[in-house]
Amino acid sequence: MAEAVAHGAASIEGVNVKLKRAQEATLKDLVDCDGLALGSPEYFGYMSGMIKDFFDRTYHQARGKKGIFKKPYVVFISAGNDGTGALRQIERICLGYQFKKVYDPVVAKGEIEEKVLAKCEELGQVIAAGCEAGIY
């Protein structure tokens, strides 16, 4: 799913895409990016521990940093259950960062099918095109 989102984003001319695992992402990545696509598997009705770790590692240092307020974001989730718990928690944390949700999330329930990957690619295109055009 992440690769499909990144592929969609990279299809927009003039956009630089960095695909990173949560444990590799830093505060600098967060500050420097124009927008975020946040993805997670759903574990026990919650986001992955590494996504939560990324938020925990960056939150206090990110507060008050220029460029964080209203940073656009989108979410994609691979759900073993229904994805609502993971989505709800990610969106709550993004409210705390004061990010701006710019598109409906993609939640895949069960096997990842081509239809889901196409939605992920569209998700990447939407956030990248909006950032490139300066509308977010």
C-alpha atoms as a PDB file:
ATOM      1  CA  MET A   1       0.000   0.000   0.000  1.00  0.00           C
ATOM      2  CA  ALA A   2       2.793   2.416   0.885  1.00  0.00           C
ATOM      3  CA  GLU A   3       4.552   1.731  -2.388  1.00  0.00           C
ATOM      4  CA  ALA A   4       1.320   2.414  -4.310  1.00  0.00           C
ATOM      5  CA  VAL A   5       0.827   5.726  -2.466  1.00  0.00           C
ATOM      6  CA  ALA A   6       4.449   6.692  -3.187  1.00  0.00           C
ATOM      7  CA  HIS A   7       4.095   5.685  -6.840  1.00  0.00           C
ATOM      8  CA  GLY A   8       0.988   7.844  -7.178  1.00  0.00           C
ATOM      9  CA  ALA A   9       2.689  10.811  -5.528  1.00  0.00           C
ATOM     10  CA  ALA A  10       5.796  10.418  -7.697  1.00  0.00           C
ATOM     11  CA  SER A  11       3.637  10.502 -10.836  1.00  0.00           C
ATOM     12  CA  ILE A  12       3.016  14.221 -10.215  1.00  0.00           C
ATOM     13  CA  GLU A  13       5.618  16.301 -12.019  1.00  0.00           C
ATOM     14  CA  GLY A  14       7.888  18.342  -9.760  1.00  0.00           C
ATOM     15  CA  VAL A  15       7.208  16.280  -6.629  1.00  0.00           C
ATOM     16  CA  ASN A  16       9.992  14.678  -4.595  1.00  0.00           C
ATOM     17  CA  VAL A  17       8.773  11.597  -2.709  1.00  0.00           C
ATOM     18  CA  LYS A  18      10.516   9.991   0.248  1.00  0.00           C
ATOM     19  CA  LEU A  19       9.139   6.635   1.341  1.00  0.00           C
ATOM     20  CA  LYS A  20      10.262   5.860   4.878  1.00  0.00           C
ATOM     21  CA  ARG A  21       9.420   3.351   7.535  1.00  0.00           C
ATOM     22  CA  ALA A  22       8.191   4.975  10.737  1.00  0.00           C
ATOM     23  CA  GLN A  23      11.280   3.936  12.701  1.00  0.00           C
ATOM     24  CA  GLU A  24      13.497   5.701  10.135  1.00  0.00           C
ATOM     25  CA  ALA A  25      11.491   8.945   9.997  1.00  0.00           C
ATOM     26  CA  THR A  26      12.778  11.908  11.984  1.00  0.00           C
ATOM     27  CA  LEU A  27      11.650  15.320  13.137  1.00  0.00           C
ATOM     28  CA  LYS A  28      13.645  16.809  10.248  1.00  0.00           C
ATOM     29  CA  ASP A  29      11.647  14.702   7.788  1.00  0.00           C
ATOM     30  CA  LEU A  30       8.437  15.945   9.359  1.00  0.00           C
ATOM     31  CA  VAL A  31       9.463  19.597   9.315  1.00  0.00           C
ATOM     32  CA  ASP A  32      10.905  19.492   5.789  1.00  0.00           C
ATOM     33  CA  CYS A  33       8.061  17.703   4.020  1.00  0.00           C
ATOM     34  CA  ASP A  34       5.197  19.517   2.311  1.00  0.00           C
ATOM     35  CA  GLY A  35       2.678  16.783   3.140  1.00  0.00           C
ATOM     36  CA  LEU A  36       2.369  13.388   4.794  1.00  0.00           C
ATOM     37  CA  ALA A  37       0.894  10.065   3.798  1.00  0.00           C
ATOM     38  CA  LEU A  38       0.641   8.036   6.992  1.00  0.00           C
ATOM     39  CA  GLY A  39       0.134   4.296   6.709  1.00  0.00           C
ATOM     40  CA  SER A  40      -0.247   1.558   9.254  1.00  0.00           C
ATOM     41  CA  PRO A  41      -1.359  -1.995   9.672  1.00  0.00           C
ATOM     42  CA  GLU A  42      -4.084  -2.396  12.254  1.00  0.00           C
ATOM     43  CA  TYR A  43      -3.021  -4.432  15.277  1.00  0.00           C
ATOM     44  CA  PHE A  44      -5.615  -5.267  17.931  1.00  0.00           C
ATOM     45  CA  GLY A  45      -7.739  -2.344  16.759  1.00  0.00           C
ATOM     46  CA  TYR A  46      -4.841   0.106  16.990  1.00  0.00           C
ATOM     47  CA  MET A  47      -2.115   1.600  14.778  1.00  0.00           C
ATOM     48  CA  SER A  48       1.283  -0.058  14.649  1.00  0.00           C
ATOM     49  CA  GLY A  49       3.622   0.588  17.538  1.00  0.00           C
ATOM     50  CA  MET A  50       6.203   2.143  15.229  1.00  0.00           C
ATOM     51  CA  ILE A  51       3.766   4.799  13.963  1.00  0.00           C
ATOM     52  CA  LYS A  52       2.930   5.612  17.584  1.00  0.00           C
ATOM     53  CA  ASP A  53       6.668   5.708  18.329  1.00  0.00           C
ATOM     54  CA  PHE A  54       7.199   8.203  15.483  1.00  0.00           C
ATOM     55  CA  PHE A  55       4.503  10.442  16.901  1.00  0.00           C
ATOM     56  CA  ASP A  56       5.935  10.109  20.416  1.00  0.00           C
ATOM     57  CA  ARG A  57       9.478  10.922  19.234  1.00  0.00           C
ATOM     58  CA  THR A  58       8.493  14.025  17.310  1.00  0.00           C
ATOM     59  CA  TYR A  59       5.486  15.593  19.020  1.00  0.00           C
ATOM     60  CA  HIS A  60       7.063  17.801  21.682  1.00  0.00           C
ATOM     61  CA  GLN A  61       9.883  18.978  19.429  1.00  0.00           C
ATOM     62  CA  ALA A  62       7.464  19.632  16.548  1.00  0.00           C
ATOM     63  CA  ARG A  63       5.171  21.873  18.572  1.00  0.00           C
ATOM     64  CA  GLY A  64       5.639  25.468  17.560  1.00  0.00           C
ATOM     65  CA  LYS A  65       7.956  24.628  14.645  1.00  0.00           C
ATOM     66  CA  LYS A  66       7.349  26.657  11.525  1.00  0.00           C
ATOM     67  CA  GLY A  67       5.637  24.632   8.811  1.00  0.00           C
ATOM     68  CA  ILE A  68       3.977  22.058  11.076  1.00  0.00           C
ATOM     69  CA  PHE A  69       0.669  23.885  11.579  1.00  0.00           C
ATOM     70  CA  LYS A  70      -1.918  22.784   8.968  1.00  0.00           C
ATOM     71  CA  LYS A  71       0.516  20.408   7.244  1.00  0.00           C
ATOM     72  CA  PRO A  72      -1.641  18.298   4.884  1.00  0.00           C
ATOM     73  CA  TYR A  73      -1.942  14.577   5.499  1.00  0.00           C
ATOM     74  CA  VAL A  74      -3.690  11.455   4.265  1.00  0.00           C
ATOM     75  CA  VAL A  75      -4.018   8.024   5.877  1.00  0.00           C
ATOM     76  CA  PHE A  76      -4.011   4.457   4.597  1.00  0.00           C
ATOM     77  CA  ILE A  77      -4.575   1.362   6.744  1.00  0.00           C
ATOM     78  CA  SER A  78      -4.322  -2.365   6.204  1.00  0.00           C
ATOM     79  CA  ALA A  79      -6.965  -3.671   8.586  1.00  0.00           C
ATOM     80  CA  GLY A  80      -7.189  -7.134  10.020  1.00  0.00           C
ATOM     81  CA  ASN A  81     -10.440  -6.070  11.660  1.00  0.00           C
ATOM     82  CA  ASP A  82     -12.293  -2.991  10.414  1.00  0.00           C
ATOM     83  CA  GLY A  83      -9.599  -0.302  10.703  1.00  0.00           C
ATOM     84  CA  THR A  84     -11.726   2.149  12.669  1.00  0.00           C
ATOM     85  CA  GLY A  85      -9.632   2.012  15.835  1.00  0.00           C
ATOM     86  CA  ALA A  86      -6.334   2.597  14.064  1.00  0.00           C
ATOM     87  CA  LEU A  87      -7.826   5.356  11.929  1.00  0.00           C
ATOM     88  CA  ARG A  88      -9.433   7.078  14.897  1.00  0.00           C
ATOM     89  CA  GLN A  89      -6.175   7.105  16.868  1.00  0.00           C
ATOM     90  CA  ILE A  90      -4.063   8.381  13.964  1.00  0.00           C
ATOM     91  CA  GLU A  91      -6.570  11.139  13.249  1.00  0.00           C
ATOM     92  CA  ARG A  92      -6.700  12.147  16.929  1.00  0.00           C
ATOM     93  CA  ILE A  93      -2.932  12.450  17.061  1.00  0.00           C
ATOM     94  CA  CYS A  94      -2.917  14.448  13.822  1.00  0.00           C
ATOM     95  CA  LEU A  95      -5.372  16.863  15.446  1.00  0.00           C
ATOM     96  CA  GLY A  96      -2.861  17.325  18.248  1.00  0.00           C
ATOM     97  CA  TYR A  97      -0.189  18.190  15.704  1.00  0.00           C
ATOM     98  CA  GLN A  98      -2.727  20.483  14.029  1.00  0.00           C
ATOM     99  CA  PHE A  99      -2.269  18.758  10.680  1.00  0.00           C
ATOM    100  CA  LYS A 100      -4.956  19.160   8.021  1.00  0.00           C
ATOM    101  CA  LYS A 101      -6.713  16.055   6.629  1.00  0.00           C
ATOM    102  CA  VAL A 102      -7.105  16.574   2.886  1.00  0.00           C
ATOM    103  CA  TYR A 103      -8.647  13.351   1.569  1.00  0.00           C
ATOM    104  CA  ASP A 104     -10.649  10.366   2.729  1.00  0.00           C
ATOM    105  CA  PRO A 105      -8.543   7.514   4.096  1.00  0.00           C
ATOM    106  CA  VAL A 106      -8.034   4.220   2.320  1.00  0.00           C
ATOM    107  CA  VAL A 107      -8.832   1.303   4.615  1.00  0.00           C
ATOM    108  CA  ALA A 108      -8.204  -2.168   3.224  1.00  0.00           C
ATOM    109  CA  LYS A 109     -10.044  -4.926   5.054  1.00  0.00           C
ATOM    110  CA  GLY A 110      -8.428  -8.302   4.520  1.00  0.00           C
ATOM    111  CA  GLU A 111      -6.368  -9.087   1.438  1.00  0.00           C
ATOM    112  CA  ILE A 112      -4.813  -6.211  -0.489  1.00  0.00           C
ATOM    113  CA  GLU A 113      -6.412  -6.291  -3.929  1.00  0.00           C
ATOM    114  CA  GLU A 114      -5.680  -4.290  -7.081  1.00  0.00           C
ATOM    115  CA  LYS A 115      -8.698  -2.066  -6.376  1.00  0.00           C
ATOM    116  CA  VAL A 116      -7.169  -1.060  -3.035  1.00  0.00           C
ATOM    117  CA  LEU A 117      -3.786  -0.389  -4.609  1.00  0.00           C
ATOM    118  CA  ALA A 118      -5.451   1.830  -7.221  1.00  0.00           C
ATOM    119  CA  LYS A 119      -7.105   3.818  -4.408  1.00  0.00           C
ATOM    120  CA  CYS A 120      -3.736   4.129  -2.682  1.00  0.00           C
ATOM    121  CA  GLU A 121      -2.146   5.405  -5.873  1.00  0.00           C
ATOM    122  CA  GLU A 122      -4.942   7.972  -6.187  1.00  0.00           C
ATOM    123  CA  LEU A 123      -4.399   8.987  -2.561  1.00  0.00           C
ATOM    124  CA  GLY A 124      -0.744   9.682  -3.339  1.00  0.00           C
ATOM    125  CA  GLN A 125      -1.641  11.644  -6.462  1.00  0.00           C
ATOM    126  CA  VAL A 126      -4.145  13.805  -4.595  1.00  0.00           C
ATOM    127  CA  ILE A 127      -1.835  14.863  -1.783  1.00  0.00           C
ATOM    128  CA  ALA A 128       1.133  15.363  -4.116  1.00  0.00           C
ATOM    129  CA  ALA A 129      -0.834  17.386  -6.665  1.00  0.00           C
ATOM    130  CA  GLY A 130      -2.322  19.566  -3.925  1.00  0.00           C
ATOM    131  CA  CYS A 131       1.066  20.215  -2.364  1.00  0.00           C
ATOM    132  CA  GLU A 132       2.666  20.921  -5.739  1.00  0.00           C
ATOM    133  CA  ALA A 133      -0.115  23.350  -6.669  1.00  0.00           C
ATOM    134  CA  GLY A 134       0.112  25.042  -3.268  1.00  0.00           C
ATOM    135  CA  ILE A 135      -3.558  24.510  -2.419  1.00  0.00           C
ATOM    136  CA  TYR A 136      -2.896  22.795   0.914  1.00  0.00           C
END
